[in-house]
Every structure is written in C-alpha cells, then in structure tokens.
Amino acid sequence: MRRWMILVLVLLLAGAGLWFGCTRSASPPSAEGATSMAALGLVLLDSDEGVSVLAVKDKSPAEYAGIHPGDLLLQANGHPFSTILQLEALLPPAKQSALQLQLMRRQQDVMTVQLHLR
C-alpha cells in the first residue's frame, strides 16, 4: 500500500512540474536569488519520519555530495527541520555556494554532506 502511495505522489509531483526540471523556487516568487529544490537535484517526500529522498538527479549537487534515494534529511546548515516547507525556508540564497545537510541512511547511519551549489 505504501509503495503504491509513493508511486502516486511521484506521478503527481511529475505532473505538477515539481520533478527534476522544475522552475519552482524554494521561496515565494518575490524573493529573488533563492535556491530551488531542482537546483539541488532532489525529489523529496514529507513522510512520517521526516523529509525522505525519493530520487537524486544525475550529475547534480546532491549526487556529487553522495545523497541517495531513501536517505532521511534531518538538518540544513545546522538547523533541524521535519517538512519540505521548513527545508525550503532554510535554503541559502543562490549567491551562497554551499549547503550542509545532515542525513540518516538505512535508519542508523547519521552523516553530514556538503552540497556545492551551482
């Protein structure tokens, strides 16, 4: 049942333009210079555990940082978050070149990765 729900959410995200190539900014359109989720190369899902990585775009900052599908994102630049909206509020301005993410892999290994933004 859960896999079916995730598949439906992925299809809805793709149809809504929130997939890899989206142009949706991480903050309201009036906030210039915001980093978009697409710029990170991530497809995310709010789950009971927090923010889960559904997919990572090839040759993206997220792939180069070593983020994998199934990872659970915990903190951005030292600030904890539990929803995608909270993460979007923590994203640095586009002029800033790095984002530090703490994540949990396989529900046990906690690590910190550095994303070098383009």
C-alpha atoms as a PDB file:
ATOM      1  CA  MET A   1       0.000   0.000   0.000  1.00  0.00           C
ATOM      2  CA  ARG A   2       2.807   2.425   0.965  1.00  0.00           C
ATOM      3  CA  ARG A   3       4.710   1.782  -2.294  1.00  0.00           C
ATOM      4  CA  TRP A   4       1.549   2.479  -4.251  1.00  0.00           C
ATOM      5  CA  MET A   5       1.065   5.774  -2.393  1.00  0.00           C
ATOM      6  CA  ILE A   6       4.671   6.819  -3.082  1.00  0.00           C
ATOM      7  CA  LEU A   7       4.269   5.991  -6.776  1.00  0.00           C
ATOM      8  CA  VAL A   8       1.123   8.117  -6.952  1.00  0.00           C
ATOM      9  CA  LEU A   9       2.929  11.002  -5.211  1.00  0.00           C
ATOM     10  CA  VAL A  10       5.863  10.777  -7.627  1.00  0.00           C
ATOM     11  CA  LEU A  11       3.471  10.865 -10.572  1.00  0.00           C
ATOM     12  CA  LEU A  12       1.628  13.828  -9.084  1.00  0.00           C
ATOM     13  CA  LEU A  13       4.908  15.667  -8.494  1.00  0.00           C
ATOM     14  CA  ALA A  14       5.996  14.986 -12.060  1.00  0.00           C
ATOM     15  CA  GLY A  15       2.669  16.219 -13.414  1.00  0.00           C
ATOM     16  CA  ALA A  16       2.775  19.329 -11.261  1.00  0.00           C
ATOM     17  CA  GLY A  17       6.193  20.321 -12.586  1.00  0.00           C
ATOM     18  CA  LEU A  18       7.954  19.618  -9.292  1.00  0.00           C
ATOM     19  CA  TRP A  19      10.230  16.915 -10.749  1.00  0.00           C
ATOM     20  CA  PHE A  20      13.876  17.485 -11.609  1.00  0.00           C
ATOM     21  CA  GLY A  21      13.397  20.145 -14.238  1.00  0.00           C
ATOM     22  CA  CYS A  22      11.042  22.295 -12.243  1.00  0.00           C
ATOM     23  CA  THR A  23      11.415  26.038 -12.071  1.00  0.00           C
ATOM     24  CA  ARG A  24       9.531  26.420  -8.815  1.00  0.00           C
ATOM     25  CA  SER A  25      11.598  28.495  -6.435  1.00  0.00           C
ATOM     26  CA  ALA A  26      12.253  27.468  -2.856  1.00  0.00           C
ATOM     27  CA  SER A  27      10.571  30.605  -1.609  1.00  0.00           C
ATOM     28  CA  PRO A  28       7.862  32.945  -2.822  1.00  0.00           C
ATOM     29  CA  PRO A  29       8.432  34.382  -6.306  1.00  0.00           C
ATOM     30  CA  SER A  30       9.106  37.799  -4.809  1.00  0.00           C
ATOM     31  CA  ALA A  31      12.254  36.524  -3.066  1.00  0.00           C
ATOM     32  CA  GLU A  32      14.962  36.920  -5.687  1.00  0.00           C
ATOM     33  CA  GLY A  33      18.056  34.733  -5.622  1.00  0.00           C
ATOM     34  CA  ALA A  34      16.523  31.739  -3.837  1.00  0.00           C
ATOM     35  CA  THR A  35      17.914  28.252  -4.424  1.00  0.00           C
ATOM     36  CA  SER A  36      15.324  25.907  -5.920  1.00  0.00           C
ATOM     37  CA  MET A  37      14.889  22.265  -4.942  1.00  0.00           C
ATOM     38  CA  ALA A  38      15.598  21.401  -8.585  1.00  0.00           C
ATOM     39  CA  ALA A  39      18.957  23.167  -8.300  1.00  0.00           C
ATOM     40  CA  LEU A  40      19.866  20.683  -5.570  1.00  0.00           C
ATOM     41  CA  GLY A  41      18.853  17.742  -7.761  1.00  0.00           C
ATOM     42  CA  LEU A  42      16.450  16.214  -5.227  1.00  0.00           C
ATOM     43  CA  VAL A  43      12.930  14.838  -5.308  1.00  0.00           C
ATOM     44  CA  LEU A  44      11.634  14.828  -1.740  1.00  0.00           C
ATOM     45  CA  LEU A  45       8.634  13.485   0.141  1.00  0.00           C
ATOM     46  CA  ASP A  46       7.219  14.504   3.504  1.00  0.00           C
ATOM     47  CA  SER A  47       6.834  11.252   5.443  1.00  0.00           C
ATOM     48  CA  ASP A  48       6.026  10.193   8.993  1.00  0.00           C
ATOM     49  CA  GLU A  49       9.770  10.088   9.716  1.00  0.00           C
ATOM     50  CA  GLY A  50      10.528  13.498   8.173  1.00  0.00           C
ATOM     51  CA  VAL A  51      11.796  14.514   4.726  1.00  0.00           C
ATOM     52  CA  SER A  52      12.714  11.474   2.617  1.00  0.00           C
ATOM     53  CA  VAL A  53      14.734  11.482  -0.603  1.00  0.00           C
ATOM     54  CA  LEU A  54      12.753   9.811  -3.389  1.00  0.00           C
ATOM     55  CA  ALA A  55      15.229  10.414  -6.213  1.00  0.00           C
ATOM     56  CA  VAL A  56      18.518  12.141  -6.965  1.00  0.00           C
ATOM     57  CA  LYS A  57      19.164  13.700 -10.370  1.00  0.00           C
ATOM     58  CA  ASP A  58      22.279  12.543 -12.226  1.00  0.00           C
ATOM     59  CA  LYS A  59      25.251  14.926 -12.090  1.00  0.00           C
ATOM     60  CA  SER A  60      23.513  17.175  -9.555  1.00  0.00           C
ATOM     61  CA  PRO A  61      24.977  18.724  -6.388  1.00  0.00           C
ATOM     62  CA  ALA A  62      23.056  16.101  -4.377  1.00  0.00           C
ATOM     63  CA  GLU A  63      24.564  13.206  -6.356  1.00  0.00           C
ATOM     64  CA  TYR A  64      28.094  14.636  -6.047  1.00  0.00           C
ATOM     65  CA  ALA A  65      27.557  15.021  -2.275  1.00  0.00           C
ATOM     66  CA  GLY A  66      26.621  11.331  -2.009  1.00  0.00           C
ATOM     67  CA  ILE A  67      22.909  11.643  -1.202  1.00  0.00           C
ATOM     68  CA  HIS A  68      20.944   8.501  -2.099  1.00  0.00           C
ATOM     69  CA  PRO A  69      17.251   7.690  -2.561  1.00  0.00           C
ATOM     70  CA  GLY A  70      15.897   6.511   0.777  1.00  0.00           C
ATOM     71  CA  ASP A  71      18.014   8.927   2.840  1.00  0.00           C
ATOM     72  CA  LEU A  72      16.152  10.892   5.522  1.00  0.00           C
ATOM     73  CA  LEU A  73      17.148  14.565   5.704  1.00  0.00           C
ATOM     74  CA  LEU A  74      17.499  15.925   9.250  1.00  0.00           C
ATOM     75  CA  GLN A  75      19.232  19.325   9.269  1.00  0.00           C
ATOM     76  CA  ALA A  76      20.266  22.071   6.866  1.00  0.00           C
ATOM     77  CA  ASN A  77      23.249  24.225   7.882  1.00  0.00           C
ATOM     78  CA  GLY A  78      22.798  23.051  11.484  1.00  0.00           C
ATOM     79  CA  HIS A  79      19.068  23.787  11.677  1.00  0.00           C
ATOM     80  CA  PRO A  80      16.676  20.837  12.159  1.00  0.00           C
ATOM     81  CA  PHE A  81      13.548  20.532  10.006  1.00  0.00           C
ATOM     82  CA  SER A  82      10.767  17.972   9.598  1.00  0.00           C
ATOM     83  CA  THR A  83       8.930  19.122   6.440  1.00  0.00           C
ATOM     84  CA  ILE A  84       9.877  20.171   2.929  1.00  0.00           C
ATOM     85  CA  LEU A  85       8.459  23.649   3.581  1.00  0.00           C
ATOM     86  CA  GLN A  86      10.759  24.044   6.590  1.00  0.00           C
ATOM     87  CA  LEU A  87      13.719  22.885   4.477  1.00  0.00           C
ATOM     88  CA  GLU A  88      12.852  25.382   1.737  1.00  0.00           C
ATOM     89  CA  ALA A  89      12.894  28.182   4.319  1.00  0.00           C
ATOM     90  CA  LEU A  90      16.432  27.130   5.331  1.00  0.00           C
ATOM     91  CA  LEU A  91      17.899  27.067   1.817  1.00  0.00           C
ATOM     92  CA  PRO A  92      20.644  29.630   1.264  1.00  0.00           C
ATOM     93  CA  PRO A  93      20.393  32.424  -1.280  1.00  0.00           C
ATOM     94  CA  ALA A  94      21.531  31.415  -4.754  1.00  0.00           C
ATOM     95  CA  LYS A  95      24.662  33.563  -4.352  1.00  0.00           C
ATOM     96  CA  GLN A  96      25.830  31.328  -1.494  1.00  0.00           C
ATOM     97  CA  SER A  97      27.840  28.396  -2.817  1.00  0.00           C
ATOM     98  CA  ALA A  98      27.323  25.603  -0.263  1.00  0.00           C
ATOM     99  CA  LEU A  99      24.664  23.845   1.777  1.00  0.00           C
ATOM    100  CA  GLN A 100      25.440  21.420   4.590  1.00  0.00           C
ATOM    101  CA  LEU A 101      22.858  18.645   5.088  1.00  0.00           C
ATOM    102  CA  GLN A 102      22.717  16.124   7.896  1.00  0.00           C
ATOM    103  CA  LEU A 103      21.020  12.893   6.888  1.00  0.00           C
ATOM    104  CA  MET A 104      20.259   9.403   8.126  1.00  0.00           C
ATOM    105  CA  ARG A 105      20.904   6.392   5.912  1.00  0.00           C
ATOM    106  CA  ARG A 106      19.340   2.969   6.433  1.00  0.00           C
ATOM    107  CA  GLN A 107      17.715   4.225   9.654  1.00  0.00           C
ATOM    108  CA  GLN A 108      21.007   4.048  11.524  1.00  0.00           C
ATOM    109  CA  ASP A 109      23.969   5.897   9.982  1.00  0.00           C
ATOM    110  CA  VAL A 110      23.888   9.679  10.553  1.00  0.00           C
ATOM    111  CA  MET A 111      26.230  11.713   8.361  1.00  0.00           C
ATOM    112  CA  THR A 112      26.769  15.260   7.171  1.00  0.00           C
ATOM    113  CA  VAL A 113      27.320  16.081   3.494  1.00  0.00           C
ATOM    114  CA  GLN A 114      28.252  19.317   1.754  1.00  0.00           C
ATOM    115  CA  LEU A 115      26.380  20.314  -1.418  1.00  0.00           C
ATOM    116  CA  HIS A 116      28.252  22.712  -3.677  1.00  0.00           C
ATOM    117  CA  LEU A 117      25.587  24.755  -5.411  1.00  0.00           C
ATOM    118  CA  ARG A 118      25.953  25.977  -8.965  1.00  0.00           C
END
